[in-house]
Amino acid sequence: MEQELSGWMCRKCGKPLVKEKVVFDYLGHTFSEALLRCPVCGRALIPGDLAEGKMAEVETMLEDK
């Protein structure tokens, strides 16, 4: 995957984060998003706008069913 020149580093591993497709699974539904992720431990950096926007909308929509 493409190397991200953002300067973000993994706090756990100390490695630079790279942009990769991250798959989310919630209540049996999945969606994916290209995010910064550690190539060693796999932890992803989830930006606030995604957490408070798309992810919150999906969570509300699925819990209302």
PDB file of N, CA and C in Angstrom:
ATOM      1  N   MET A   1       0.840  -1.186   0.000  1.00  0.00           N
ATOM      2  CA  MET A   1       0.000   0.000   0.000  1.00  0.00           C
ATOM      3  C   MET A   1       0.881   1.244   0.000  1.00  0.00           C
ATOM      4  N   GLU A   2       0.250   2.350  -0.263  1.00  0.00           N
ATOM      5  CA  GLU A   2       0.975   3.606  -0.407  1.00  0.00           C
ATOM      6  C   GLU A   2       1.511   4.107   0.938  1.00  0.00           C
ATOM      7  N   GLN A   3       2.758   4.566   0.926  1.00  0.00           N
ATOM      8  CA  GLN A   3       3.370   5.121   2.139  1.00  0.00           C
ATOM      9  C   GLN A   3       2.790   6.511   2.399  1.00  0.00           C
ATOM     10  N   GLU A   4       2.417   6.772   3.619  1.00  0.00           N
ATOM     11  CA  GLU A   4       1.816   8.058   3.991  1.00  0.00           C
ATOM     12  C   GLU A   4       2.916   8.971   4.519  1.00  0.00           C
ATOM     13  N   LEU A   5       2.997  10.173   4.007  1.00  0.00           N
ATOM     14  CA  LEU A   5       4.004  11.132   4.431  1.00  0.00           C
ATOM     15  C   LEU A   5       3.421  12.098   5.442  1.00  0.00           C
ATOM     16  N   SER A   6       2.723  11.583   6.422  1.00  0.00           N
ATOM     17  CA  SER A   6       2.007  12.418   7.378  1.00  0.00           C
ATOM     18  C   SER A   6       2.818  12.722   8.626  1.00  0.00           C
ATOM     19  N   GLY A   7       3.824  11.910   8.915  1.00  0.00           N
ATOM     20  CA  GLY A   7       4.576  12.082  10.142  1.00  0.00           C
ATOM     21  C   GLY A   7       3.965  11.353  11.328  1.00  0.00           C
ATOM     22  N   TRP A   8       2.812  10.717  11.157  1.00  0.00           N
ATOM     23  CA  TRP A   8       2.191   9.961  12.244  1.00  0.00           C
ATOM     24  C   TRP A   8       2.982   8.687  12.474  1.00  0.00           C
ATOM     25  N   MET A   9       3.210   8.375  13.748  1.00  0.00           N
ATOM     26  CA  MET A   9       3.939   7.174  14.132  1.00  0.00           C
ATOM     27  C   MET A   9       3.062   6.363  15.083  1.00  0.00           C
ATOM     28  N   CYS A  10       3.246   5.042  15.057  1.00  0.00           N
ATOM     29  CA  CYS A  10       2.534   4.172  15.980  1.00  0.00           C
ATOM     30  C   CYS A  10       3.135   4.349  17.372  1.00  0.00           C
ATOM     31  N   ARG A  11       2.304   4.611  18.341  1.00  0.00           N
ATOM     32  CA  ARG A  11       2.791   4.806  19.704  1.00  0.00           C
ATOM     33  C   ARG A  11       3.326   3.493  20.284  1.00  0.00           C
ATOM     34  N   LYS A  12       2.711   2.384  19.903  1.00  0.00           N
ATOM     35  CA  LYS A  12       3.123   1.074  20.427  1.00  0.00           C
ATOM     36  C   LYS A  12       4.422   0.595  19.780  1.00  0.00           C
ATOM     37  N   CYS A  13       4.510   0.677  18.451  1.00  0.00           N
ATOM     38  CA  CYS A  13       5.625   0.090  17.714  1.00  0.00           C
ATOM     39  C   CYS A  13       6.696   1.098  17.297  1.00  0.00           C
ATOM     40  N   GLY A  14       6.323   2.379  17.235  1.00  0.00           N
ATOM     41  CA  GLY A  14       7.272   3.396  16.810  1.00  0.00           C
ATOM     42  C   GLY A  14       7.502   3.435  15.309  1.00  0.00           C
ATOM     43  N   LYS A  15       6.676   2.741  14.551  1.00  0.00           N
ATOM     44  CA  LYS A  15       6.821   2.700  13.096  1.00  0.00           C
ATOM     45  C   LYS A  15       5.929   3.764  12.451  1.00  0.00           C
ATOM     46  N   PRO A  16       6.331   4.292  11.281  1.00  0.00           N
ATOM     47  CA  PRO A  16       5.473   5.247  10.570  1.00  0.00           C
ATOM     48  C   PRO A  16       4.197   4.557  10.092  1.00  0.00           C
ATOM     49  N   LEU A  17       3.078   5.265  10.187  1.00  0.00           N
ATOM     50  CA  LEU A  17       1.805   4.720   9.724  1.00  0.00           C
ATOM     51  C   LEU A  17       1.730   4.797   8.205  1.00  0.00           C
ATOM     52  N   VAL A  18       1.058   3.827   7.612  1.00  0.00           N
ATOM     53  CA  VAL A  18       0.854   3.781   6.165  1.00  0.00           C
ATOM     54  C   VAL A  18      -0.650   3.769   5.892  1.00  0.00           C
ATOM     55  N   LYS A  19      -1.018   4.265   4.724  1.00  0.00           N
ATOM     56  CA  LYS A  19      -2.429   4.292   4.363  1.00  0.00           C
ATOM     57  C   LYS A  19      -2.822   2.926   3.820  1.00  0.00           C
ATOM     58  N   GLU A  20      -3.812   2.308   4.458  1.00  0.00           N
ATOM     59  CA  GLU A  20      -4.298   0.990   4.064  1.00  0.00           C
ATOM     60  C   GLU A  20      -5.810   0.933   4.218  1.00  0.00           C
ATOM     61  N   LYS A  21      -6.402  -0.023   3.521  1.00  0.00           N
ATOM     62  CA  LYS A  21      -7.835  -0.259   3.668  1.00  0.00           C
ATOM     63  C   LYS A  21      -8.071  -0.967   4.996  1.00  0.00           C
ATOM     64  N   VAL A  22      -8.953  -0.393   5.826  1.00  0.00           N
ATOM     65  CA  VAL A  22      -9.315  -0.980   7.105  1.00  0.00           C
ATOM     66  C   VAL A  22     -10.782  -1.393   7.020  1.00  0.00           C
ATOM     67  N   VAL A  23     -11.069  -2.632   7.387  1.00  0.00           N
ATOM     68  CA  VAL A  23     -12.434  -3.152   7.329  1.00  0.00           C
ATOM     69  C   VAL A  23     -13.027  -3.128   8.737  1.00  0.00           C
ATOM     70  N   PHE A  24     -14.211  -2.545   8.856  1.00  0.00           N
ATOM     71  CA  PHE A  24     -14.926  -2.478  10.119  1.00  0.00           C
ATOM     72  C   PHE A  24     -16.108  -3.434  10.068  1.00  0.00           C
ATOM     73  N   ASP A  25     -16.342  -4.134  11.160  1.00  0.00           N
ATOM     74  CA  ASP A  25     -17.476  -5.048  11.269  1.00  0.00           C
ATOM     75  C   ASP A  25     -18.259  -4.655  12.514  1.00  0.00           C
ATOM     76  N   TYR A  26     -19.549  -4.378  12.336  1.00  0.00           N
ATOM     77  CA  TYR A  26     -20.382  -3.969  13.463  1.00  0.00           C
ATOM     78  C   TYR A  26     -21.764  -4.566  13.311  1.00  0.00           C
ATOM     79  N   LEU A  27     -22.180  -5.342  14.277  1.00  0.00           N
ATOM     80  CA  LEU A  27     -23.493  -5.999  14.268  1.00  0.00           C
ATOM     81  C   LEU A  27     -23.731  -6.764  12.969  1.00  0.00           C
ATOM     82  N   GLY A  28     -22.678  -7.435  12.481  1.00  0.00           N
ATOM     83  CA  GLY A  28     -22.811  -8.257  11.288  1.00  0.00           C
ATOM     84  C   GLY A  28     -22.742  -7.501   9.972  1.00  0.00           C
ATOM     85  N   HIS A  29     -22.520  -6.195   9.997  1.00  0.00           N
ATOM     86  CA  HIS A  29     -22.396  -5.394   8.769  1.00  0.00           C
ATOM     87  C   HIS A  29     -20.961  -4.895   8.675  1.00  0.00           C
ATOM     88  N   THR A  30     -20.437  -4.836   7.462  1.00  0.00           N
ATOM     89  CA  THR A  30     -19.063  -4.387   7.274  1.00  0.00           C
ATOM     90  C   THR A  30     -19.007  -3.189   6.338  1.00  0.00           C
ATOM     91  N   PHE A  31     -18.010  -2.343   6.564  1.00  0.00           N
ATOM     92  CA  PHE A  31     -17.675  -1.281   5.620  1.00  0.00           C
ATOM     93  C   PHE A  31     -16.185  -1.041   5.742  1.00  0.00           C
ATOM     94  N   SER A  32     -15.600  -0.455   4.710  1.00  0.00           N
ATOM     95  CA  SER A  32     -14.159  -0.238   4.731  1.00  0.00           C
ATOM     96  C   SER A  32     -13.844   1.228   4.461  1.00  0.00           C
ATOM     97  N   GLU A  33     -12.656   1.606   4.873  1.00  0.00           N
ATOM     98  CA  GLU A  33     -12.197   2.986   4.734  1.00  0.00           C
ATOM     99  C   GLU A  33     -10.669   2.946   4.646  1.00  0.00           C
ATOM    100  N   ALA A  34     -10.071   3.796   3.828  1.00  0.00           N
ATOM    101  CA  ALA A  34      -8.610   3.905   3.757  1.00  0.00           C
ATOM    102  C   ALA A  34      -8.157   4.805   4.901  1.00  0.00           C
ATOM    103  N   LEU A  35      -7.385   4.234   5.822  1.00  0.00           N
ATOM    104  CA  LEU A  35      -6.926   4.956   7.010  1.00  0.00           C
ATOM    105  C   LEU A  35      -5.435   4.735   7.221  1.00  0.00           C
ATOM    106  N   LEU A  36      -4.849   5.556   8.080  1.00  0.00           N
ATOM    107  CA  LEU A  36      -3.470   5.345   8.489  1.00  0.00           C
ATOM    108  C   LEU A  36      -3.439   4.182   9.470  1.00  0.00           C
ATOM    109  N   ARG A  37      -2.500   3.265   9.230  1.00  0.00           N
ATOM    110  CA  ARG A  37      -2.444   2.045  10.032  1.00  0.00           C
ATOM    111  C   ARG A  37      -0.992   1.632  10.232  1.00  0.00           C
ATOM    112  N   CYS A  38      -0.702   1.050  11.387  1.00  0.00           N
ATOM    113  CA  CYS A  38       0.643   0.560  11.672  1.00  0.00           C
ATOM    114  C   CYS A  38       0.888  -0.720  10.882  1.00  0.00           C
ATOM    115  N   PRO A  39       1.998  -0.776  10.132  1.00  0.00           N
ATOM    116  CA  PRO A  39       2.285  -1.986   9.358  1.00  0.00           C
ATOM    117  C   PRO A  39       2.726  -3.161  10.231  1.00  0.00           C
ATOM    118  N   VAL A  40       3.053  -2.904  11.497  1.00  0.00           N
ATOM    119  CA  VAL A  40       3.520  -3.978  12.388  1.00  0.00           C
ATOM    120  C   VAL A  40       2.370  -4.548  13.215  1.00  0.00           C
ATOM    121  N   CYS A  41       1.712  -3.698  14.021  1.00  0.00           N
ATOM    122  CA  CYS A  41       0.672  -4.210  14.928  1.00  0.00           C
ATOM    123  C   CYS A  41      -0.742  -4.087  14.351  1.00  0.00           C
ATOM    124  N   GLY A  42      -0.920  -3.295  13.302  1.00  0.00           N
ATOM    125  CA  GLY A  42      -2.224  -3.181  12.651  1.00  0.00           C
ATOM    126  C   GLY A  42      -3.167  -2.166  13.264  1.00  0.00           C
ATOM    127  N   ARG A  43      -2.743  -1.475  14.319  1.00  0.00           N
ATOM    128  CA  ARG A  43      -3.617  -0.456  14.918  1.00  0.00           C
ATOM    129  C   ARG A  43      -3.862   0.663  13.915  1.00  0.00           C
ATOM    130  N   ALA A  44      -5.103   1.130  13.860  1.00  0.00           N
ATOM    131  CA  ALA A  44      -5.480   2.174  12.912  1.00  0.00           C
ATOM    132  C   ALA A  44      -5.738   3.492  13.629  1.00  0.00           C
ATOM    133  N   LEU A  45      -5.417   4.579  12.954  1.00  0.00           N
ATOM    134  CA  LEU A  45      -5.718   5.912  13.439  1.00  0.00           C
ATOM    135  C   LEU A  45      -7.061   6.311  12.833  1.00  0.00           C
ATOM    136  N   ILE A  46      -8.085   6.433  13.678  1.00  0.00           N
ATOM    137  CA  ILE A  46      -9.419   6.791  13.204  1.00  0.00           C
ATOM    138  C   ILE A  46      -9.627   8.278  13.459  1.00  0.00           C
ATOM    139  N   PRO A  47      -9.710   9.079  12.383  1.00  0.00           N
ATOM    140  CA  PRO A  47      -9.890  10.518  12.565  1.00  0.00           C
ATOM    141  C   PRO A  47     -11.243  10.840  13.197  1.00  0.00           C
ATOM    142  N   GLY A  48     -11.297  11.931  13.929  1.00  0.00           N
ATOM    143  CA  GLY A  48     -12.518  12.331  14.623  1.00  0.00           C
ATOM    144  C   GLY A  48     -13.718  12.478  13.715  1.00  0.00           C
ATOM    145  N   ASP A  49     -13.508  13.033  12.508  1.00  0.00           N
ATOM    146  CA  ASP A  49     -14.650  13.228  11.611  1.00  0.00           C
ATOM    147  C   ASP A  49     -15.251  11.896  11.173  1.00  0.00           C
ATOM    148  N   LEU A  50     -14.434  10.864  11.035  1.00  0.00           N
ATOM    149  CA  LEU A  50     -14.962   9.539  10.681  1.00  0.00           C
ATOM    150  C   LEU A  50     -15.691   8.930  11.871  1.00  0.00           C
ATOM    151  N   ALA A  51     -15.096   9.015  13.050  1.00  0.00           N
ATOM    152  CA  ALA A  51     -15.704   8.443  14.256  1.00  0.00           C
ATOM    153  C   ALA A  51     -17.023   9.124  14.596  1.00  0.00           C
ATOM    154  N   GLU A  52     -17.061  10.430  14.464  1.00  0.00           N
ATOM    155  CA  GLU A  52     -18.264  11.178  14.828  1.00  0.00           C
ATOM    156  C   GLU A  52     -19.246  11.310  13.668  1.00  0.00           C
ATOM    157  N   GLY A  53     -18.803  11.001  12.467  1.00  0.00           N
ATOM    158  CA  GLY A  53     -19.650  11.122  11.283  1.00  0.00           C
ATOM    159  C   GLY A  53     -20.163   9.782  10.811  1.00  0.00           C
ATOM    160  N   LYS A  54     -19.450   9.200   9.847  1.00  0.00           N
ATOM    161  CA  LYS A  54     -19.896   7.965   9.195  1.00  0.00           C
ATOM    162  C   LYS A  54     -20.083   6.816  10.179  1.00  0.00           C
ATOM    163  N   MET A  55     -19.131   6.613  11.084  1.00  0.00           N
ATOM    164  CA  MET A  55     -19.236   5.492  12.019  1.00  0.00           C
ATOM    165  C   MET A  55     -20.414   5.676  12.972  1.00  0.00           C
ATOM    166  N   ALA A  56     -20.637   6.888  13.431  1.00  0.00           N
ATOM    167  CA  ALA A  56     -21.765   7.157  14.327  1.00  0.00           C
ATOM    168  C   ALA A  56     -23.088   6.952  13.595  1.00  0.00           C
ATOM    169  N   GLU A  57     -23.155   7.360  12.317  1.00  0.00           N
ATOM    170  CA  GLU A  57     -24.375   7.168  11.523  1.00  0.00           C
ATOM    171  C   GLU A  57     -24.672   5.688  11.336  1.00  0.00           C
ATOM    172  N   VAL A  58     -23.647   4.911  10.996  1.00  0.00           N
ATOM    173  CA  VAL A  58     -23.826   3.469  10.791  1.00  0.00           C
ATOM    174  C   VAL A  58     -24.259   2.813  12.097  1.00  0.00           C
ATOM    175  N   GLU A  59     -23.629   3.194  13.198  1.00  0.00           N
ATOM    176  CA  GLU A  59     -23.976   2.633  14.506  1.00  0.00           C
ATOM    177  C   GLU A  59     -25.433   2.915  14.848  1.00  0.00           C
ATOM    178  N   THR A  60     -25.870   4.145  14.678  1.00  0.00           N
ATOM    179  CA  THR A  60     -27.255   4.523  14.981  1.00  0.00           C
ATOM    180  C   THR A  60     -28.221   3.775  14.064  1.00  0.00           C
ATOM    181  N   MET A  61     -27.910   3.724  12.777  1.00  0.00           N
ATOM    182  CA  MET A  61     -28.786   3.062  11.817  1.00  0.00           C
ATOM    183  C   MET A  61     -28.948   1.572  12.154  1.00  0.00           C
ATOM    184  N   LEU A  62     -27.854   0.895  12.487  1.00  0.00           N
ATOM    185  CA  LEU A  62     -27.919  -0.533  12.771  1.00  0.00           C
ATOM    186  C   LEU A  62     -28.575  -0.829  14.113  1.00  0.00           C
ATOM    187  N   GLU A  63     -28.350   0.007  15.108  1.00  0.00           N
ATOM    188  CA  GLU A  63     -28.958  -0.240  16.414  1.00  0.00           C
ATOM    189  C   GLU A  63     -30.459   0.025  16.407  1.00  0.00           C
ATOM    190  N   ASP A  64     -30.928   0.884  15.491  1.00  0.00           N
ATOM    191  CA  ASP A  64     -32.347   1.186  15.392  1.00  0.00           C
ATOM    192  C   ASP A  64     -33.137   0.072  14.731  1.00  0.00           C
ATOM    193  N   LYS A  65     -32.446  -0.868  14.075  1.00  0.00           N
ATOM    194  CA  LYS A  65     -33.142  -1.953  13.369  1.00  0.00           C
ATOM    195  C   LYS A  65     -33.650  -2.994  14.336  1.00  0.00           C
TER     196      LYS A  65
END
